[in-house]
Protein backbone atom coordinates (compact mmCIF):
# COMPACT_ATOMS: atom_id res chain seq x y z
CA MET A 1 0.00 0.00 0.00
CA THR A 2 1.48 3.32 -1.09
CA CYS A 3 -0.83 5.82 0.60
CA ARG A 4 1.05 8.37 2.66
CA GLN A 5 0.22 8.84 6.33
CA ILE A 6 -0.44 12.41 7.40
CA PRO A 7 1.19 13.47 10.70
CA ILE A 8 -1.40 12.79 13.38
CA ARG A 9 -2.82 15.58 15.47
CA GLY A 10 -5.21 15.20 18.38
CA LYS A 11 -5.59 12.61 21.10
CA ALA A 12 -4.24 9.50 19.41
CA SER A 13 -0.86 8.14 20.46
CA ARG A 14 1.24 5.69 18.46
CA SER A 15 4.65 5.81 20.08
CA PRO A 16 5.52 2.91 22.38
CA SER A 17 5.68 3.56 26.10
CA PRO A 18 5.96 1.56 29.32
CA SER A 19 2.81 0.15 30.87
CA MET A 20 0.65 2.92 32.33
CA LYS A 21 -1.40 3.05 35.49
CA ILE A 22 -4.48 0.88 35.11
CA PRO A 23 -7.65 2.99 34.64
CA SER A 24 -10.35 2.19 37.20
CA ARG A 25 -12.79 0.97 34.53
CA ILE A 26 -10.27 -1.64 33.30
CA GLN A 27 -9.30 -2.84 36.79
CA PRO A 28 -12.11 -5.46 36.92
CA LEU A 29 -10.70 -7.08 33.75
CA VAL A 30 -7.27 -7.23 35.40
CA THR A 31 -8.79 -8.75 38.53
CA ASP A 32 -10.56 -11.39 36.45
CA GLY A 33 -7.40 -12.22 34.50
CA LEU A 34 -8.62 -10.91 31.15
CA VAL A 35 -6.02 -8.13 30.96
CA ASP A 36 -2.45 -8.22 32.30
CA ALA A 37 -1.32 -4.64 31.63
CA VAL A 38 -2.41 -1.38 30.02
CA ILE A 39 0.27 -0.22 27.60
CA ARG A 40 -1.11 3.18 26.60
CA GLN A 41 -4.15 5.19 25.64
CA LEU A 42 -4.77 4.92 21.92
CA MET A 43 -7.73 7.19 21.26
CA SER A 44 -10.39 9.24 23.03
CA GLY A 45 -13.59 9.93 21.13
CA LYS A 46 -17.19 11.02 21.61
CA GLU A 47 -18.33 7.56 22.67
CA ALA A 48 -15.37 5.90 24.35
CA THR A 49 -11.70 5.87 25.25
CA VAL A 50 -9.61 3.09 23.69
CA TYR A 51 -6.50 1.62 25.32
CA VAL A 52 -3.83 -0.75 24.03
CA VAL A 53 -3.64 -3.64 26.50
CA ARG A 54 -1.62 -6.82 26.94
CA CYS A 55 -3.46 -10.10 27.41
CA GLY A 56 -0.82 -12.75 28.06
CA ASP A 57 1.43 -12.69 24.99
CA VAL A 58 -1.16 -10.94 22.82
CA VAL A 59 -1.71 -7.21 22.39
CA ARG A 60 -5.35 -6.17 22.06
CA CYS A 61 -7.40 -3.06 22.65
CA ALA A 62 -9.93 -2.25 25.35
CA LYS A 63 -12.77 0.13 24.50
CA VAL A 64 -14.11 1.85 27.62
CA TYR A 65 -17.53 3.34 26.94
CA LYS A 66 -18.28 6.78 28.28
CA GLU A 67 -21.36 7.40 30.40
CA ALA A 68 -24.44 8.59 28.54
CA ASN A 69 -24.17 12.18 29.83
CA LYS A 70 -20.57 12.38 28.57
CA ARG A 71 -21.17 10.99 25.09
CA GLY A 72 -21.41 13.06 21.95
CA PHE A 73 -24.57 11.35 20.69
CA HIS A 74 -27.57 13.53 21.53
CA LYS A 75 -30.08 11.79 19.24
CA ALA A 76 -29.70 8.25 20.52
CA VAL A 77 -33.45 7.67 20.14
CA ASP A 78 -33.00 7.71 16.34
CA TYR A 79 -30.55 4.83 16.65
CA THR A 80 -32.29 2.74 19.30
CA GLU A 81 -35.68 2.61 17.55
CA GLY A 82 -36.58 -0.98 16.77
CA ARG A 83 -33.95 -2.57 19.00
CA LYS A 84 -35.12 -5.65 20.84
CA THR A 85 -35.23 -5.74 24.63
CA ARG A 86 -34.60 -8.79 26.78
CA ASN A 87 -38.04 -8.77 28.38
CA SER A 88 -41.14 -6.65 28.99
CA ARG A 89 -39.86 -5.43 32.37
CA GLN A 90 -36.76 -3.98 30.74
CA ALA A 91 -38.85 -2.38 27.99
CA ARG A 92 -41.22 -0.74 30.50
CA ALA A 93 -38.35 0.57 32.62
CA MET A 94 -36.59 2.03 29.58
CA ALA A 95 -39.81 3.68 28.42
CA LYS A 96 -40.41 5.24 31.85
CA GLY A 97 -36.84 6.54 32.09
CA SER A 98 -36.40 5.23 35.62
CA ARG A 99 -32.94 4.81 37.12
CA TYR A 100 -33.08 1.09 36.36
CA GLY A 101 -34.39 1.89 32.88
CA ARG A 102 -31.50 4.27 32.19
CA GLN A 103 -29.02 1.64 33.34
CA GLU A 104 -30.63 -0.96 31.09
CA GLN A 105 -30.68 1.47 28.17
CA GLU A 106 -26.98 2.19 28.64
CA ALA A 107 -26.18 -1.53 28.81
CA ALA A 108 -28.22 -2.15 25.65
CA TRP A 109 -26.34 0.65 23.85
CA GLN A 110 -23.00 -0.92 24.72
CA HIS A 111 -24.07 -4.50 23.92
CA ALA A 112 -25.29 -3.32 20.50
CA GLU A 113 -21.69 -2.98 19.29
CA VAL A 114 -20.71 -6.43 20.51
CA ASP A 115 -23.74 -7.98 18.81
CA ALA A 116 -23.16 -6.04 15.57
CA LEU A 117 -19.47 -7.00 15.43
CA ARG A 118 -20.30 -10.69 15.73
CA VAL A 119 -23.05 -10.57 13.11
CA LEU A 120 -20.94 -8.58 10.66
CA ALA A 121 -17.85 -10.74 11.08
CA ASN A 122 -19.97 -13.78 10.18
CA ALA A 123 -21.28 -11.86 7.15
CA GLY A 124 -17.76 -11.26 5.83
CA VAL A 125 -17.54 -7.58 6.78
CA ARG A 126 -14.07 -6.43 7.84
CA VAL A 127 -14.50 -5.45 11.49
CA PRO A 128 -12.32 -6.01 14.59
CA THR A 129 -12.86 -9.39 16.26
CA PRO A 130 -14.61 -8.99 19.66
CA TYR A 131 -13.24 -11.21 22.44
CA ASP A 132 -15.01 -10.22 25.63
CA PHE A 133 -17.38 -7.64 27.08
CA HIS A 134 -17.07 -7.01 30.80
CA GLU A 135 -18.18 -4.18 33.09
CA GLY A 136 -18.77 -1.77 30.20
CA VAL A 137 -15.43 -2.52 28.55
CA LEU A 138 -15.17 -4.21 25.14
CA LEU A 139 -12.00 -6.27 24.68
CA MET A 140 -11.28 -6.75 20.98
CA GLU A 141 -8.69 -7.20 18.27
CA LEU A 142 -6.12 -4.45 17.80
CA VAL A 143 -6.06 -3.67 14.07
CA THR A 144 -2.45 -3.07 13.04
CA ASP A 145 -0.46 -1.87 10.04
CA GLU A 146 2.38 -3.70 8.28
CA ALA A 147 4.81 -2.69 11.05
CA GLY A 148 2.58 -4.06 13.81
CA GLU A 149 1.60 -0.59 15.02
CA PRO A 150 -2.06 0.43 15.52
CA ALA A 151 -3.53 0.96 12.07
CA PRO A 152 -4.19 4.59 11.07
CA ARG A 153 -7.68 5.95 10.58
CA LEU A 154 -8.72 6.66 7.02
CA ASN A 155 -8.67 10.42 7.60
CA ASP A 156 -4.99 10.19 8.58
CA LEU A 157 -4.00 9.09 5.07
CA ALA A 158 -3.30 11.02 1.88
CA LEU A 159 -4.57 8.91 -1.02
CA SER A 160 -3.87 8.75 -4.72
CA GLU A 161 -6.88 8.76 -7.05
CA GLU A 162 -6.44 5.04 -7.68
CA GLU A 163 -6.31 4.27 -3.94
CA ALA A 164 -9.36 6.43 -3.29
CA ASN A 165 -11.35 4.56 -5.94
CA ARG A 166 -10.21 1.18 -4.62
CA PHE A 167 -10.97 1.96 -0.98
CA HIS A 168 -14.32 3.51 -1.89
CA ALA A 169 -15.32 0.42 -3.86
CA ASP A 170 -14.21 -1.80 -0.98
CA LEU A 171 -16.28 0.14 1.56
CA ILE A 172 -19.37 0.26 -0.66
CA ARG A 173 -19.16 -3.52 -0.94
CA GLN A 174 -18.89 -3.76 2.86
CA VAL A 175 -21.91 -1.46 3.29
CA VAL A 176 -23.83 -3.85 1.03
CA ARG A 177 -22.74 -6.85 3.09
CA MET A 178 -23.81 -5.03 6.24
CA LEU A 179 -27.25 -4.30 4.83
CA CYS A 180 -27.63 -7.88 3.62
CA ALA A 181 -27.00 -8.84 7.27
CA GLY A 182 -29.74 -6.41 8.32
CA ILE A 183 -27.48 -3.70 9.75
CA VAL A 184 -26.81 -0.05 8.89
CA HIS A 185 -23.72 1.54 10.50
CA GLY A 186 -25.46 4.88 11.08
CA ASP A 187 -22.33 6.98 11.60
CA LEU A 188 -19.94 5.83 8.90
CA SER A 189 -17.24 8.27 7.85
CA GLU A 190 -13.49 8.55 7.40
CA TYR A 191 -13.16 8.83 11.20
CA ASN A 192 -14.37 5.31 11.97
CA VAL A 193 -12.56 3.36 9.30
CA LEU A 194 -9.08 1.95 9.96
CA VAL A 195 -6.73 0.93 7.16
CA ASP A 196 -4.48 -2.09 7.62
CA SER A 197 -2.29 -3.80 5.03
CA ASP A 198 -5.37 -5.42 3.44
CA GLY A 199 -7.49 -2.27 3.23
CA PRO A 200 -10.36 -0.66 5.17
CA VAL A 201 -11.69 -2.04 8.47
CA ILE A 202 -14.96 -0.62 9.82
CA ILE A 203 -15.10 0.29 13.53
CA ASP A 204 -17.39 2.06 16.06
CA LEU A 205 -20.76 0.34 15.90
CA PRO A 206 -22.72 1.04 19.13
CA GLN A 207 -25.18 3.16 17.13
CA ALA A 208 -25.73 0.49 14.43
CA VAL A 209 -29.40 0.19 13.51
CA ASP A 210 -31.71 -2.63 12.48
CA ALA A 211 -32.46 -1.95 8.83
CA ALA A 212 -35.87 -3.61 8.93
CA ALA A 213 -37.09 -2.22 12.26
CA ASN A 214 -35.78 1.35 12.31
CA ASN A 215 -37.66 4.00 10.31
CA ASN A 216 -34.46 6.06 10.08
CA ALA A 217 -32.45 3.25 8.43
CA ARG A 218 -32.78 4.48 4.86
CA ARG A 219 -31.80 8.03 5.74
CA MET A 220 -28.81 6.78 7.74
CA LEU A 221 -27.60 4.43 5.03
CA GLU A 222 -27.80 7.15 2.38
CA ARG A 223 -25.94 9.52 4.72
CA ASP A 224 -23.23 6.90 5.39
CA VAL A 225 -22.70 6.39 1.67
CA ALA A 226 -22.76 10.13 0.97
CA ASN A 227 -20.09 10.65 3.66
CA LEU A 228 -17.85 8.17 1.84
CA ALA A 229 -18.40 9.86 -1.53
CA THR A 230 -17.63 13.27 -0.05
CA TYR A 231 -14.41 12.10 1.58
CA PHE A 232 -13.03 10.05 -1.30
CA GLY A 233 -14.23 12.71 -3.75
CA GLN A 234 -11.39 14.93 -2.51
CA PHE A 235 -8.98 12.53 -4.20
CA SER A 236 -11.24 11.25 -7.01
CA PRO A 237 -13.80 13.94 -8.00
CA SER A 238 -15.77 11.53 -10.20
CA LEU A 239 -17.10 9.86 -7.01
CA LEU A 240 -18.96 13.04 -6.05
CA SER A 241 -21.59 12.45 -8.73
CA THR A 242 -22.39 8.85 -7.69
CA ASP A 243 -25.58 7.84 -5.89
CA TYR A 244 -24.81 4.41 -4.45
CA GLY A 245 -26.92 5.04 -1.35
CA ARG A 246 -30.25 5.25 -3.15
CA GLU A 247 -29.28 2.44 -5.49
CA ILE A 248 -28.35 0.11 -2.62
CA TRP A 249 -31.53 0.88 -0.66
CA SER A 250 -33.72 0.44 -3.74
CA LEU A 251 -32.31 -3.05 -4.28
CA TYR A 252 -32.71 -3.85 -0.58
CA GLU A 253 -36.29 -2.61 -0.47
CA SER A 254 -37.23 -4.70 -3.52
CA GLY A 255 -35.59 -7.82 -2.06
CA GLN A 256 -32.95 -7.93 -4.80
CA LEU A 257 -29.85 -6.88 -2.83
CA ARG A 258 -27.12 -9.52 -2.60
CA PRO A 259 -23.53 -9.30 -1.29
CA ASP A 260 -22.32 -9.53 -4.89
CA SER A 261 -24.99 -7.31 -6.50
CA THR A 262 -23.69 -5.32 -9.46
CA LEU A 263 -23.80 -1.59 -8.68
CA THR A 264 -23.44 1.40 -10.98
CA GLY A 265 -23.80 4.38 -8.63
CA ILE A 266 -26.54 5.69 -10.93
CA VAL A 267 -30.23 5.91 -10.10
CA LYS A 268 -32.63 6.56 -12.93
CA ALA A 269 -35.34 9.10 -12.19
CA GLU A 270 -38.87 7.74 -12.42
CA HIS A 271 -41.22 9.65 -14.72
CA ARG A 272 -44.52 8.00 -13.86
CA PRO A 273 -47.64 10.09 -14.63
CA ALA A 274 -49.83 10.83 -11.65
CA ASP A 275 -52.94 8.65 -11.27
CA VAL A 276 -55.59 11.39 -11.01
CA ASP A 277 -58.39 8.96 -10.11
CA GLU A 278 -56.31 7.49 -7.28
CA VAL A 279 -55.50 10.97 -5.93
CA MET A 280 -59.18 12.02 -6.04
CA GLU A 281 -60.20 8.80 -4.28
CA ILE A 282 -57.72 9.48 -1.45
CA ILE A 283 -59.01 13.06 -1.10
CA GLU A 284 -62.63 11.87 -1.03
CA MET A 285 -61.81 9.23 1.59
CA ALA A 286 -60.14 11.85 3.78
CA ARG A 287 -63.18 14.16 3.35
CA ARG A 288 -65.57 11.41 4.45
CA GLU A 289 -63.45 10.53 7.48
CA GLU A 290 -63.35 14.17 8.58
CA ALA A 291 -67.14 14.51 8.10
CA ALA A 292 -67.65 11.40 10.22
CA ARG A 293 -65.40 12.79 12.98
CA GLN A 294 -67.30 16.10 13.01
CA ALA A 295 -70.63 14.28 13.17
CA GLY A 296 -69.36 12.22 16.07
CA ARG A 297 -68.24 15.32 17.96
CA ALA A 298 -71.59 17.05 17.32
CA ALA A 299 -73.47 14.02 18.64
CA ALA A 300 -71.30 13.95 21.76
CA ASP A 301 -71.99 17.64 22.44
CA LYS A 302 -75.79 17.20 22.42
CA PRO A 303 -77.39 17.19 25.89
């Protein structure tokens, strides 16, 4: 891979360092023998802080989720619509917003990423392998580059036009595989894609939505795909005029989407003449329903 890495600014750290003091949230994993040492903090984002940890002879990463009031997601309801609950008691508590309900909602948010990673890995999507989830900490594979260092995020790379086209095609294919597995990422961009020696790896999935059960799924998928076109379009302007999002959803909605579906990035506009009789019938039906409601109210007002 020839893409050039841009000097990293911000909260990520890639230089090796001695083991650091164990954060309190990771201490239970140390106590239970899941983690032996914390090497360094890797990244701090809107949802979680990620650490590089040593588990026996293997180096992995531990994702420590931030509490709900410290997260950057303020529209979580858009993402949680349609998610299944364990039982009716949990569902009632979450709906009431009780203390127990908030705890259950937070646990469900965190478990969503673990569940999505497992489903997507089985579907052939390139995601980090999850190993354990304990006390609000997700222990998973550390994605690395050719030198064994933590892989850079996509936005940390300067790409050639050919690389941009190749990575874009790769990610569109992964978006299709995700949707075939019933999942929409919901927040896909250059900031939650890592690039190892084999190409893009998708990360950060606690907000992943159920494509069939969430009314926002189409809008989120089209936004995810548009984010990719906008980013890669900096290096390959021809991608800016593509419309893979609508094409992918159209195939999904019609039951024709497959992991290997042929895509063009072009959606033909429909020029179907309006059915005047159908429109008039709908208007007449609405008029009758309103007349019936008014008659019902008048009857109720009579002494």
